[in-house]
Amino acid sequence: MENEILELKDLYDTIIEDIRNRLEDFRSGFLKMNNDSLFAELCFCTLTPQSKAKSCWKSVEHLRDTGLLYRAGKETLSRSITGVRFHNNKSAYIEANRRLFYSMDFKRFILENISDVRKLRKWLVTNIKGYSFKEAGHFLRNIGYGSEIAILDRHILKNMVIYGVISEIPKSINERTYLELERKLLEFSKKTRIPPDHLDILFWYKQTGEIFK
């Protein structure tokens, strides 16, 4: 196991600057975002469960560029989303989240509450349709505030098994299980001296050979 961890750290050393630059892009991009761009990011993370990230982003770009993201009902949204699983449910989530998002100054709300990122994550899970702790963490990472939390999707969990952080992937993950898994990943992060948000991108790169969202 120690050899595998050393190999992971060696890989990390080769792409650490790329990871830093990507995370800085997330943070600086968020600060420049208008409400419509921020809503598009919120929707991207709504689409990603059990679907390929690139297909989800392609659908968001199409909806954004045609204006459908900001005005279409769930039926039209559903017909316009391609390559995404459970697109009917996710279209309903987008429509519901749009009403909440544009009823408030969402960006200001994020900035006013980001000092307690776990509390903000919990708010997102409670109030954003289709968001679990994973999607909320993904959104926060993609706007530059994921350094203290984990995004426990399948590729992270798979690597947690590979590196001995857990013995197996749980069949189901409720809030209590998620937070316990997160605690273990944060311990691994501390042990390897690879920050949690860096680990997520590193594992993705290890699996795909590229850095994405």
N, C-alpha and C. Protein backbone atom coordinates (compact mmCIF):
# COMPACT_ATOMS: atom_id res chain seq x y z
N MET A 1 0.82 -1.22 0.00
CA MET A 1 0.00 0.00 0.00
C MET A 1 0.86 1.27 0.00
N GLU A 2 1.97 1.22 0.73
CA GLU A 2 2.84 2.39 0.78
C GLU A 2 3.38 2.73 -0.60
N ASN A 3 3.69 1.71 -1.39
CA ASN A 3 4.20 1.96 -2.74
C ASN A 3 3.15 2.65 -3.61
N GLU A 4 1.90 2.20 -3.47
CA GLU A 4 0.81 2.80 -4.24
C GLU A 4 0.62 4.27 -3.85
N ILE A 5 0.73 4.56 -2.58
CA ILE A 5 0.58 5.94 -2.11
C ILE A 5 1.75 6.80 -2.61
N LEU A 6 2.94 6.24 -2.60
CA LEU A 6 4.10 6.97 -3.13
C LEU A 6 3.92 7.27 -4.61
N GLU A 7 3.38 6.30 -5.36
CA GLU A 7 3.11 6.53 -6.78
C GLU A 7 2.07 7.62 -6.98
N LEU A 8 1.06 7.63 -6.11
CA LEU A 8 0.03 8.68 -6.19
C LEU A 8 0.65 10.05 -5.93
N LYS A 9 1.52 10.12 -4.94
CA LYS A 9 2.17 11.40 -4.62
C LYS A 9 3.10 11.84 -5.74
N ASP A 10 3.75 10.88 -6.38
CA ASP A 10 4.61 11.22 -7.53
C ASP A 10 3.78 11.79 -8.66
N LEU A 11 2.62 11.18 -8.92
CA LEU A 11 1.72 11.71 -9.95
C LEU A 11 1.25 13.11 -9.58
N TYR A 12 0.91 13.28 -8.31
CA TYR A 12 0.47 14.60 -7.81
C TYR A 12 1.54 15.65 -8.06
N ASP A 13 2.78 15.30 -7.81
CA ASP A 13 3.86 16.27 -7.99
C ASP A 13 3.98 16.73 -9.44
N THR A 14 3.58 15.86 -10.38
CA THR A 14 3.72 16.22 -11.80
C THR A 14 2.60 17.16 -12.27
N ILE A 15 1.46 17.17 -11.55
CA ILE A 15 0.34 17.99 -12.02
C ILE A 15 -0.13 19.00 -10.98
N ILE A 16 0.63 19.18 -9.90
CA ILE A 16 0.17 20.04 -8.82
C ILE A 16 -0.10 21.47 -9.29
N GLU A 17 0.73 21.99 -10.17
CA GLU A 17 0.52 23.35 -10.65
C GLU A 17 -0.73 23.45 -11.51
N ASP A 18 -1.01 22.42 -12.30
CA ASP A 18 -2.24 22.39 -13.09
C ASP A 18 -3.46 22.37 -12.18
N ILE A 19 -3.38 21.61 -11.10
CA ILE A 19 -4.49 21.55 -10.16
C ILE A 19 -4.69 22.91 -9.48
N ARG A 20 -3.60 23.50 -9.04
CA ARG A 20 -3.69 24.82 -8.40
C ARG A 20 -4.30 25.84 -9.35
N ASN A 21 -3.87 25.81 -10.58
CA ASN A 21 -4.39 26.75 -11.57
C ASN A 21 -5.87 26.53 -11.82
N ARG A 22 -6.28 25.26 -11.86
CA ARG A 22 -7.69 24.97 -12.10
C ARG A 22 -8.55 25.46 -10.94
N LEU A 23 -8.10 25.22 -9.73
CA LEU A 23 -8.86 25.67 -8.57
C LEU A 23 -8.91 27.19 -8.50
N GLU A 24 -7.83 27.84 -8.89
CA GLU A 24 -7.83 29.30 -8.93
C GLU A 24 -8.79 29.80 -10.00
N ASP A 25 -8.85 29.07 -11.11
CA ASP A 25 -9.83 29.41 -12.16
C ASP A 25 -11.25 29.33 -11.60
N PHE A 26 -11.53 28.29 -10.82
CA PHE A 26 -12.85 28.16 -10.21
C PHE A 26 -13.16 29.36 -9.33
N ARG A 27 -12.22 29.70 -8.45
CA ARG A 27 -12.46 30.79 -7.49
C ARG A 27 -12.61 32.14 -8.21
N SER A 28 -11.69 32.45 -9.09
CA SER A 28 -11.74 33.73 -9.79
C SER A 28 -12.94 33.78 -10.73
N GLY A 29 -13.28 32.62 -11.32
CA GLY A 29 -14.44 32.57 -12.21
C GLY A 29 -15.72 32.86 -11.47
N PHE A 30 -15.85 32.32 -10.28
CA PHE A 30 -17.04 32.58 -9.47
C PHE A 30 -17.18 34.07 -9.15
N LEU A 31 -16.10 34.69 -8.77
CA LEU A 31 -16.15 36.11 -8.40
C LEU A 31 -16.57 36.99 -9.58
N LYS A 32 -16.32 36.51 -10.80
CA LYS A 32 -16.69 37.26 -12.00
C LYS A 32 -18.07 36.89 -12.54
N MET A 33 -18.67 35.81 -12.01
CA MET A 33 -19.93 35.31 -12.56
C MET A 33 -21.09 36.26 -12.33
N ASN A 34 -21.96 36.38 -13.33
CA ASN A 34 -23.25 37.00 -13.09
C ASN A 34 -24.23 35.92 -12.64
N ASN A 35 -25.45 36.30 -12.34
CA ASN A 35 -26.41 35.34 -11.81
C ASN A 35 -26.69 34.20 -12.79
N ASP A 36 -26.79 34.52 -14.08
CA ASP A 36 -27.11 33.47 -15.05
C ASP A 36 -25.99 32.43 -15.14
N SER A 37 -24.74 32.87 -15.11
CA SER A 37 -23.62 31.94 -15.17
C SER A 37 -23.56 31.07 -13.92
N LEU A 38 -23.86 31.68 -12.78
CA LEU A 38 -23.85 30.92 -11.53
C LEU A 38 -24.98 29.88 -11.52
N PHE A 39 -26.13 30.26 -12.06
CA PHE A 39 -27.23 29.30 -12.14
C PHE A 39 -26.86 28.14 -13.06
N ALA A 40 -26.15 28.42 -14.14
CA ALA A 40 -25.71 27.35 -15.05
C ALA A 40 -24.82 26.36 -14.31
N GLU A 41 -23.94 26.86 -13.46
CA GLU A 41 -23.07 25.98 -12.67
C GLU A 41 -23.88 25.15 -11.69
N LEU A 42 -24.88 25.78 -11.08
CA LEU A 42 -25.76 25.06 -10.16
C LEU A 42 -26.47 23.92 -10.89
N CYS A 43 -26.91 24.19 -12.12
CA CYS A 43 -27.61 23.19 -12.91
C CYS A 43 -26.68 22.07 -13.36
N PHE A 44 -25.45 22.40 -13.69
CA PHE A 44 -24.48 21.37 -14.07
C PHE A 44 -24.35 20.32 -12.98
N CYS A 45 -24.24 20.77 -11.74
CA CYS A 45 -24.10 19.82 -10.63
C CYS A 45 -25.40 19.08 -10.35
N THR A 46 -26.53 19.64 -10.78
CA THR A 46 -27.81 18.94 -10.68
C THR A 46 -27.87 17.78 -11.66
N LEU A 47 -27.25 17.92 -12.82
CA LEU A 47 -27.32 16.90 -13.86
C LEU A 47 -26.33 15.76 -13.67
N THR A 48 -25.26 15.98 -12.91
CA THR A 48 -24.14 15.03 -12.92
C THR A 48 -24.39 13.66 -12.27
N PRO A 49 -25.30 13.50 -11.29
CA PRO A 49 -25.44 12.16 -10.69
C PRO A 49 -25.71 11.07 -11.72
N GLN A 50 -24.86 10.03 -11.69
CA GLN A 50 -24.96 8.87 -12.55
C GLN A 50 -24.89 9.21 -14.04
N SER A 51 -24.25 10.32 -14.35
CA SER A 51 -24.10 10.74 -15.75
C SER A 51 -22.68 11.26 -15.97
N LYS A 52 -22.24 11.25 -17.21
CA LYS A 52 -20.90 11.72 -17.53
C LYS A 52 -20.84 13.24 -17.47
N ALA A 53 -19.80 13.75 -16.81
CA ALA A 53 -19.69 15.19 -16.58
C ALA A 53 -19.68 15.97 -17.90
N LYS A 54 -18.97 15.47 -18.89
CA LYS A 54 -18.88 16.21 -20.15
C LYS A 54 -20.23 16.29 -20.85
N SER A 55 -21.01 15.20 -20.80
CA SER A 55 -22.35 15.23 -21.40
C SER A 55 -23.25 16.21 -20.67
N CYS A 56 -23.10 16.27 -19.34
CA CYS A 56 -23.90 17.21 -18.55
C CYS A 56 -23.56 18.64 -18.90
N TRP A 57 -22.27 18.93 -19.00
CA TRP A 57 -21.87 20.30 -19.31
C TRP A 57 -22.29 20.69 -20.72
N LYS A 58 -22.23 19.74 -21.65
CA LYS A 58 -22.68 20.01 -23.02
C LYS A 58 -24.15 20.37 -23.04
N SER A 59 -24.97 19.67 -22.24
CA SER A 59 -26.40 19.99 -22.17
C SER A 59 -26.62 21.36 -21.54
N VAL A 60 -25.87 21.66 -20.49
CA VAL A 60 -26.01 22.97 -19.85
C VAL A 60 -25.63 24.08 -20.83
N GLU A 61 -24.57 23.89 -21.57
CA GLU A 61 -24.16 24.90 -22.55
C GLU A 61 -25.26 25.13 -23.59
N HIS A 62 -25.87 24.03 -24.05
CA HIS A 62 -26.95 24.15 -25.03
C HIS A 62 -28.14 24.91 -24.43
N LEU A 63 -28.54 24.55 -23.23
CA LEU A 63 -29.68 25.22 -22.58
C LEU A 63 -29.37 26.68 -22.31
N ARG A 64 -28.14 26.94 -21.90
CA ARG A 64 -27.73 28.32 -21.63
C ARG A 64 -27.70 29.16 -22.90
N ASP A 65 -27.10 28.63 -23.95
CA ASP A 65 -26.93 29.40 -25.19
C ASP A 65 -28.25 29.65 -25.90
N THR A 66 -29.22 28.75 -25.73
CA THR A 66 -30.54 28.93 -26.34
C THR A 66 -31.49 29.71 -25.43
N GLY A 67 -31.08 29.95 -24.20
CA GLY A 67 -31.93 30.66 -23.25
C GLY A 67 -32.94 29.77 -22.56
N LEU A 68 -33.00 28.50 -22.94
CA LEU A 68 -34.00 27.60 -22.35
C LEU A 68 -33.76 27.38 -20.86
N LEU A 69 -32.51 27.48 -20.45
CA LEU A 69 -32.17 27.24 -19.05
C LEU A 69 -32.90 28.23 -18.14
N TYR A 70 -33.19 29.41 -18.67
CA TYR A 70 -33.72 30.49 -17.83
C TYR A 70 -35.22 30.71 -17.98
N ARG A 71 -35.86 29.99 -18.92
CA ARG A 71 -37.28 30.26 -19.12
C ARG A 71 -38.13 29.02 -19.39
N ALA A 72 -37.51 27.93 -19.85
CA ALA A 72 -38.30 26.77 -20.30
C ALA A 72 -38.86 25.99 -19.11
N GLY A 73 -40.04 25.39 -19.31
CA GLY A 73 -40.62 24.50 -18.32
C GLY A 73 -39.95 23.14 -18.36
N LYS A 74 -40.32 22.29 -17.41
CA LYS A 74 -39.63 21.01 -17.27
C LYS A 74 -39.78 20.12 -18.50
N GLU A 75 -40.93 20.20 -19.19
CA GLU A 75 -41.11 19.34 -20.36
C GLU A 75 -40.15 19.72 -21.48
N THR A 76 -40.04 21.02 -21.74
CA THR A 76 -39.12 21.49 -22.78
C THR A 76 -37.68 21.22 -22.38
N LEU A 77 -37.37 21.45 -21.12
CA LEU A 77 -36.01 21.16 -20.63
C LEU A 77 -35.68 19.69 -20.84
N SER A 78 -36.61 18.83 -20.50
CA SER A 78 -36.38 17.39 -20.61
C SER A 78 -36.10 16.98 -22.05
N ARG A 79 -36.85 17.56 -22.99
CA ARG A 79 -36.63 17.22 -24.41
C ARG A 79 -35.29 17.75 -24.92
N SER A 80 -34.77 18.76 -24.26
CA SER A 80 -33.55 19.42 -24.74
C SER A 80 -32.28 18.90 -24.08
N ILE A 81 -32.43 18.08 -23.05
CA ILE A 81 -31.27 17.52 -22.36
C ILE A 81 -30.96 16.16 -22.96
N THR A 82 -29.74 16.00 -23.41
CA THR A 82 -29.35 14.73 -24.05
C THR A 82 -28.12 14.15 -23.34
N GLY A 83 -28.04 12.83 -23.36
CA GLY A 83 -26.88 12.15 -22.78
C GLY A 83 -26.81 12.20 -21.28
N VAL A 84 -27.95 12.45 -20.63
CA VAL A 84 -28.01 12.59 -19.17
C VAL A 84 -29.08 11.65 -18.64
N ARG A 85 -28.74 10.84 -17.66
CA ARG A 85 -29.71 9.92 -17.08
C ARG A 85 -30.70 10.67 -16.19
N PHE A 86 -31.92 10.12 -16.12
CA PHE A 86 -32.98 10.68 -15.28
C PHE A 86 -33.27 12.14 -15.63
N HIS A 87 -33.25 12.44 -16.94
CA HIS A 87 -33.40 13.83 -17.37
C HIS A 87 -34.78 14.40 -17.05
N ASN A 88 -35.79 13.54 -16.94
CA ASN A 88 -37.12 14.06 -16.58
C ASN A 88 -37.12 14.62 -15.16
N ASN A 89 -36.61 13.86 -14.21
CA ASN A 89 -36.54 14.33 -12.83
C ASN A 89 -35.64 15.54 -12.71
N LYS A 90 -34.52 15.49 -13.40
CA LYS A 90 -33.55 16.59 -13.29
C LYS A 90 -34.09 17.87 -13.92
N SER A 91 -34.90 17.75 -14.94
CA SER A 91 -35.55 18.93 -15.53
C SER A 91 -36.50 19.58 -14.53
N ALA A 92 -37.23 18.76 -13.79
CA ALA A 92 -38.11 19.29 -12.74
C ALA A 92 -37.30 19.98 -11.65
N TYR A 93 -36.14 19.42 -11.32
CA TYR A 93 -35.28 20.04 -10.32
C TYR A 93 -34.81 21.42 -10.79
N ILE A 94 -34.40 21.48 -12.06
CA ILE A 94 -33.93 22.76 -12.61
C ILE A 94 -35.02 23.82 -12.53
N GLU A 95 -36.23 23.44 -12.91
CA GLU A 95 -37.34 24.40 -12.88
C GLU A 95 -37.59 24.88 -11.45
N ALA A 96 -37.61 23.97 -10.49
CA ALA A 96 -37.84 24.34 -9.09
C ALA A 96 -36.70 25.18 -8.54
N ASN A 97 -35.46 24.79 -8.84
CA ASN A 97 -34.31 25.53 -8.34
C ASN A 97 -34.22 26.92 -8.94
N ARG A 98 -34.69 27.07 -10.17
CA ARG A 98 -34.68 28.38 -10.82
C ARG A 98 -35.56 29.36 -10.07
N ARG A 99 -36.72 28.89 -9.61
CA ARG A 99 -37.61 29.78 -8.85
C ARG A 99 -36.93 30.27 -7.57
N LEU A 100 -36.27 29.36 -6.87
CA LEU A 100 -35.57 29.76 -5.64
C LEU A 100 -34.39 30.66 -5.95
N PHE A 101 -33.60 30.27 -6.92
CA PHE A 101 -32.37 31.00 -7.24
C PHE A 101 -32.65 32.46 -7.56
N TYR A 102 -33.64 32.69 -8.41
CA TYR A 102 -33.91 34.06 -8.85
C TYR A 102 -34.84 34.83 -7.91
N SER A 103 -35.23 34.19 -6.83
CA SER A 103 -36.01 34.90 -5.81
C SER A 103 -35.11 35.57 -4.78
N MET A 104 -33.81 35.34 -4.90
CA MET A 104 -32.87 35.86 -3.92
C MET A 104 -31.59 36.28 -4.64
N ASP A 105 -30.74 37.00 -3.94
CA ASP A 105 -29.42 37.32 -4.47
C ASP A 105 -28.51 36.16 -4.11
N PHE A 106 -28.47 35.13 -4.96
CA PHE A 106 -27.83 33.87 -4.62
C PHE A 106 -26.33 34.03 -4.42
N LYS A 107 -25.69 34.78 -5.28
CA LYS A 107 -24.24 34.96 -5.16
C LYS A 107 -23.89 35.68 -3.86
N ARG A 108 -24.64 36.69 -3.53
CA ARG A 108 -24.39 37.40 -2.28
C ARG A 108 -24.62 36.47 -1.09
N PHE A 109 -25.64 35.64 -1.17
CA PHE A 109 -25.92 34.68 -0.10
C PHE A 109 -24.73 33.74 0.09
N ILE A 110 -24.18 33.25 -1.01
CA ILE A 110 -23.02 32.36 -0.93
C ILE A 110 -21.86 33.08 -0.24
N LEU A 111 -21.55 34.28 -0.68
CA LEU A 111 -20.42 35.01 -0.13
C LEU A 111 -20.62 35.34 1.35
N GLU A 112 -21.85 35.59 1.74
CA GLU A 112 -22.12 35.94 3.14
C GLU A 112 -22.05 34.73 4.05
N ASN A 113 -22.15 33.53 3.49
CA ASN A 113 -22.22 32.32 4.32
C ASN A 113 -21.06 31.36 4.10
N ILE A 114 -20.11 31.73 3.23
CA ILE A 114 -19.05 30.79 2.87
C ILE A 114 -18.06 30.57 4.00
N SER A 115 -18.05 31.42 5.01
CA SER A 115 -17.11 31.24 6.12
C SER A 115 -17.38 29.95 6.88
N ASP A 116 -18.60 29.45 6.81
CA ASP A 116 -18.94 28.15 7.40
C ASP A 116 -19.40 27.23 6.27
N VAL A 117 -18.44 26.64 5.58
CA VAL A 117 -18.74 25.92 4.35
C VAL A 117 -19.60 24.68 4.61
N ARG A 118 -19.44 24.06 5.76
CA ARG A 118 -20.26 22.88 6.05
C ARG A 118 -21.72 23.26 6.30
N LYS A 119 -21.92 24.36 6.97
CA LYS A 119 -23.28 24.84 7.19
C LYS A 119 -23.92 25.24 5.86
N LEU A 120 -23.14 25.88 5.01
CA LEU A 120 -23.64 26.27 3.69
C LEU A 120 -23.95 25.03 2.85
N ARG A 121 -23.10 24.04 2.92
CA ARG A 121 -23.36 22.79 2.20
C ARG A 121 -24.68 22.17 2.65
N LYS A 122 -24.91 22.15 3.95
CA LYS A 122 -26.15 21.60 4.48
C LYS A 122 -27.35 22.39 3.98
N TRP A 123 -27.21 23.71 3.88
CA TRP A 123 -28.30 24.55 3.34
C TRP A 123 -28.59 24.15 1.90
N LEU A 124 -27.56 23.94 1.12
CA LEU A 124 -27.75 23.55 -0.28
C LEU A 124 -28.46 22.20 -0.38
N VAL A 125 -28.05 21.26 0.45
CA VAL A 125 -28.68 19.93 0.45
C VAL A 125 -30.16 20.04 0.80
N THR A 126 -30.48 20.91 1.73
CA THR A 126 -31.86 21.06 2.20
C THR A 126 -32.73 21.81 1.20
N ASN A 127 -32.15 22.76 0.49
CA ASN A 127 -32.96 23.69 -0.30
C ASN A 127 -32.86 23.53 -1.82
N ILE A 128 -31.80 22.91 -2.31
CA ILE A 128 -31.63 22.76 -3.75
C ILE A 128 -32.07 21.36 -4.17
N LYS A 129 -33.11 21.30 -5.00
CA LYS A 129 -33.66 20.02 -5.42
C LYS A 129 -32.60 19.22 -6.20
N GLY A 130 -32.50 17.94 -5.86
CA GLY A 130 -31.55 17.07 -6.54
C GLY A 130 -30.16 17.07 -5.95
N TYR A 131 -29.95 17.89 -4.91
CA TYR A 131 -28.63 17.96 -4.30
C TYR A 131 -28.53 17.06 -3.07
N SER A 132 -27.54 16.20 -3.08
CA SER A 132 -27.12 15.49 -1.87
C SER A 132 -25.83 16.16 -1.41
N PHE A 133 -25.17 15.60 -0.41
CA PHE A 133 -23.90 16.17 0.04
C PHE A 133 -22.87 16.16 -1.08
N LYS A 134 -22.92 15.15 -1.93
CA LYS A 134 -21.96 15.06 -3.04
C LYS A 134 -22.14 16.22 -4.01
N GLU A 135 -23.37 16.45 -4.48
CA GLU A 135 -23.62 17.51 -5.45
C GLU A 135 -23.35 18.89 -4.84
N ALA A 136 -23.73 19.07 -3.58
CA ALA A 136 -23.47 20.35 -2.92
C ALA A 136 -21.97 20.60 -2.81
N GLY A 137 -21.21 19.54 -2.48
CA GLY A 137 -19.76 19.69 -2.41
C GLY A 137 -19.15 19.97 -3.77
N HIS A 138 -19.69 19.32 -4.80
CA HIS A 138 -19.22 19.54 -6.16
C HIS A 138 -19.43 21.00 -6.56
N PHE A 139 -20.61 21.52 -6.29
CA PHE A 139 -20.90 22.93 -6.61
C PHE A 139 -19.95 23.86 -5.88
N LEU A 140 -19.75 23.62 -4.60
CA LEU A 140 -18.87 24.50 -3.81
C LEU A 140 -17.43 24.42 -4.30
N ARG A 141 -16.98 23.21 -4.67
CA ARG A 141 -15.64 23.08 -5.23
C ARG A 141 -15.51 23.85 -6.55
N ASN A 142 -16.57 23.77 -7.37
CA ASN A 142 -16.52 24.40 -8.68
C ASN A 142 -16.62 25.92 -8.64
N ILE A 143 -16.93 26.46 -7.48
CA ILE A 143 -16.86 27.93 -7.34
C ILE A 143 -15.69 28.32 -6.43
N GLY A 144 -14.83 27.33 -6.14
CA GLY A 144 -13.58 27.63 -5.46
C GLY A 144 -13.57 27.49 -3.96
N TYR A 145 -14.58 26.80 -3.39
CA TYR A 145 -14.66 26.71 -1.94
C TYR A 145 -14.81 25.27 -1.47
N GLY A 146 -13.99 24.38 -2.01
CA GLY A 146 -14.08 22.97 -1.65
C GLY A 146 -12.91 22.44 -0.87
N SER A 147 -12.08 23.32 -0.31
CA SER A 147 -10.84 22.87 0.31
C SER A 147 -11.05 22.15 1.64
N GLU A 148 -12.24 22.27 2.23
CA GLU A 148 -12.46 21.67 3.55
C GLU A 148 -13.45 20.51 3.52
N ILE A 149 -13.92 20.16 2.33
CA ILE A 149 -14.95 19.13 2.23
C ILE A 149 -14.59 18.13 1.13
N ALA A 150 -15.33 17.01 1.11
CA ALA A 150 -15.06 15.97 0.13
C ALA A 150 -16.24 15.79 -0.82
N ILE A 151 -15.93 15.44 -2.06
CA ILE A 151 -16.96 15.11 -3.05
C ILE A 151 -16.92 13.60 -3.24
N LEU A 152 -17.77 12.89 -2.54
CA LEU A 152 -17.69 11.44 -2.51
C LEU A 152 -18.51 10.80 -3.63
N ASP A 153 -18.03 10.95 -4.87
CA ASP A 153 -18.68 10.26 -5.97
C ASP A 153 -17.99 8.91 -6.19
N ARG A 154 -18.41 8.21 -7.22
CA ARG A 154 -17.94 6.84 -7.40
C ARG A 154 -16.42 6.75 -7.59
N HIS A 155 -15.85 7.70 -8.33
CA HIS A 155 -14.42 7.59 -8.58
C HIS A 155 -13.61 7.87 -7.32
N ILE A 156 -14.11 8.75 -6.45
CA ILE A 156 -13.44 8.98 -5.17
C ILE A 156 -13.55 7.74 -4.30
N LEU A 157 -14.76 7.18 -4.19
CA LEU A 157 -14.96 6.00 -3.36
C LEU A 157 -14.12 4.82 -3.85
N LYS A 158 -14.04 4.66 -5.15
CA LYS A 158 -13.23 3.58 -5.72
C LYS A 158 -11.77 3.74 -5.31
N ASN A 159 -11.28 4.96 -5.37
CA ASN A 159 -9.89 5.19 -4.98
C ASN A 159 -9.68 5.09 -3.48
N MET A 160 -10.71 5.39 -2.70
CA MET A 160 -10.60 5.19 -1.26
C MET A 160 -10.40 3.72 -0.92
N VAL A 161 -11.01 2.84 -1.71
CA VAL A 161 -10.79 1.41 -1.53
C VAL A 161 -9.38 1.04 -1.98
N ILE A 162 -8.97 1.54 -3.14
CA ILE A 162 -7.65 1.22 -3.70
C ILE A 162 -6.53 1.57 -2.72
N TYR A 163 -6.67 2.71 -2.04
CA TYR A 163 -5.61 3.17 -1.15
C TYR A 163 -5.86 2.84 0.32
N GLY A 164 -6.80 1.91 0.56
CA GLY A 164 -6.98 1.38 1.89
C GLY A 164 -7.66 2.30 2.87
N VAL A 165 -8.30 3.35 2.38
CA VAL A 165 -9.00 4.27 3.27
C VAL A 165 -10.27 3.62 3.81
N ILE A 166 -10.95 2.85 2.96
CA ILE A 166 -12.10 2.05 3.35
C ILE A 166 -11.94 0.66 2.74
N SER A 167 -12.65 -0.31 3.29
CA SER A 167 -12.50 -1.68 2.80
C SER A 167 -13.41 -1.98 1.61
N GLU A 168 -14.54 -1.27 1.54
CA GLU A 168 -15.47 -1.47 0.44
C GLU A 168 -16.36 -0.24 0.29
N ILE A 169 -16.97 -0.12 -0.88
CA ILE A 169 -17.89 0.99 -1.13
C ILE A 169 -19.24 0.63 -0.52
N PRO A 170 -19.79 1.47 0.35
CA PRO A 170 -21.10 1.16 0.95
C PRO A 170 -22.18 1.05 -0.12
N LYS A 171 -23.14 0.17 0.13
CA LYS A 171 -24.23 -0.01 -0.83
C LYS A 171 -25.15 1.20 -0.86
N SER A 172 -25.30 1.87 0.27
CA SER A 172 -26.09 3.10 0.32
C SER A 172 -25.38 4.07 1.26
N ILE A 173 -25.57 5.36 0.98
CA ILE A 173 -24.87 6.39 1.76
C ILE A 173 -25.87 7.43 2.24
N ASN A 174 -26.17 7.42 3.53
CA ASN A 174 -27.00 8.47 4.11
C ASN A 174 -26.09 9.56 4.66
N GLU A 175 -26.67 10.56 5.30
CA GLU A 175 -25.88 11.69 5.78
C GLU A 175 -24.80 11.24 6.76
N ARG A 176 -25.18 10.39 7.71
CA ARG A 176 -24.22 9.94 8.71
C ARG A 176 -23.05 9.19 8.06
N THR A 177 -23.37 8.30 7.12
CA THR A 177 -22.32 7.54 6.43
C THR A 177 -21.44 8.46 5.62
N TYR A 178 -22.04 9.43 4.92
CA TYR A 178 -21.27 10.37 4.11
C TYR A 178 -20.26 11.11 4.98
N LEU A 179 -20.70 11.62 6.10
CA LEU A 179 -19.81 12.40 6.96
C LEU A 179 -18.70 11.55 7.55
N GLU A 180 -18.99 10.27 7.82
CA GLU A 180 -17.95 9.38 8.32
C GLU A 180 -16.93 9.08 7.23
N LEU A 181 -17.41 8.84 6.01
CA LEU A 181 -16.49 8.63 4.89
C LEU A 181 -15.65 9.88 4.63
N GLU A 182 -16.28 11.02 4.73
CA GLU A 182 -15.56 12.28 4.55
C GLU A 182 -14.46 12.42 5.59
N ARG A 183 -14.77 12.09 6.83
CA ARG A 183 -13.76 12.16 7.90
C ARG A 183 -12.55 11.30 7.55
N LYS A 184 -12.80 10.10 7.04
CA LYS A 184 -11.71 9.20 6.69
C LYS A 184 -10.89 9.75 5.52
N LEU A 185 -11.57 10.33 4.54
CA LEU A 185 -10.84 10.91 3.40
C LEU A 185 -10.01 12.10 3.84
N LEU A 186 -10.53 12.91 4.75
CA LEU A 186 -9.78 14.06 5.24
C LEU A 186 -8.55 13.60 6.03
N GLU A 187 -8.66 12.49 6.71
CA GLU A 187 -7.50 11.92 7.40
C GLU A 187 -6.45 11.47 6.38
N PHE A 188 -6.91 10.84 5.29
CA PHE A 188 -6.00 10.42 4.23
C PHE A 188 -5.35 11.64 3.59
N SER A 189 -6.12 12.68 3.39
CA SER A 189 -5.60 13.93 2.84
C SER A 189 -4.49 14.49 3.73
N LYS A 190 -4.72 14.47 5.01
CA LYS A 190 -3.71 14.97 5.96
C LYS A 190 -2.46 14.10 5.93
N LYS A 191 -2.67 12.79 5.86
CA LYS A 191 -1.55 11.85 5.84
C LYS A 191 -0.68 12.04 4.60
N THR A 192 -1.32 12.23 3.46
CA THR A 192 -0.58 12.35 2.20
C THR A 192 -0.17 13.78 1.89
N ARG A 193 -0.71 14.72 2.66
CA ARG A 193 -0.45 16.15 2.45
C ARG A 193 -0.95 16.61 1.07
N ILE A 194 -2.04 16.00 0.65
CA ILE A 194 -2.72 16.41 -0.58
C ILE A 194 -4.08 16.96 -0.18
N PRO A 195 -4.36 18.25 -0.37
CA PRO A 195 -5.63 18.84 0.06
C PRO A 195 -6.83 18.12 -0.56
N PRO A 196 -7.97 18.09 0.14
CA PRO A 196 -9.14 17.36 -0.35
C PRO A 196 -9.58 17.74 -1.76
N ASP A 197 -9.61 19.04 -2.06
CA ASP A 197 -10.04 19.45 -3.40
C ASP A 197 -9.00 19.07 -4.45
N HIS A 198 -7.72 18.98 -4.05
CA HIS A 198 -6.69 18.49 -4.96
C HIS A 198 -6.86 17.00 -5.20
N LEU A 199 -7.20 16.26 -4.14
CA LEU A 199 -7.39 14.81 -4.27
C LEU A 199 -8.46 14.47 -5.29
N ASP A 200 -9.55 15.21 -5.25
CA ASP A 200 -10.64 14.94 -6.18
C ASP A 200 -10.18 15.08 -7.62
N ILE A 201 -9.49 16.17 -7.91
CA ILE A 201 -9.00 16.39 -9.27
C ILE A 201 -7.92 15.37 -9.62
N LEU A 202 -7.07 15.03 -8.66
CA LEU A 202 -6.01 14.06 -8.89
C LEU A 202 -6.59 12.69 -9.23
N PHE A 203 -7.58 12.25 -8.48
CA PHE A 203 -8.21 10.96 -8.76
C PHE A 203 -8.88 10.97 -10.13
N TRP A 204 -9.53 12.09 -10.46
CA TRP A 204 -10.17 12.20 -11.77
C TRP A 204 -9.11 12.12 -12.88
N TYR A 205 -7.99 12.82 -12.68
CA TYR A 205 -6.91 12.80 -13.67
C TYR A 205 -6.33 11.39 -13.80
N LYS A 206 -6.16 10.72 -12.67
CA LYS A 206 -5.63 9.35 -12.66
C LYS A 206 -6.53 8.42 -13.46
N GLN A 207 -7.82 8.67 -13.41
CA GLN A 207 -8.79 7.81 -14.10
C GLN A 207 -8.95 8.16 -15.57
N THR A 208 -8.92 9.47 -15.89
CA THR A 208 -9.26 9.92 -17.25
C THR A 208 -8.09 10.52 -18.03
N GLY A 209 -7.03 10.92 -17.32
CA GLY A 209 -5.90 11.54 -17.99
C GLY A 209 -6.11 13.01 -18.30
N GLU A 210 -7.13 13.62 -17.70
CA GLU A 210 -7.39 15.03 -17.93
C GLU A 210 -7.99 15.69 -16.70
N ILE A 211 -7.96 16.99 -16.69
CA ILE A 211 -8.57 17.78 -15.61
C ILE A 211 -9.80 18.46 -16.17
N PHE A 212 -10.95 18.21 -15.50
CA PHE A 212 -12.20 18.81 -15.98
C PHE A 212 -12.86 19.52 -14.82
N LYS A 213 -14.22 19.51 -14.77
CA LYS A 213 -14.96 20.21 -13.74
C LYS A 213 -15.34 19.26 -12.62
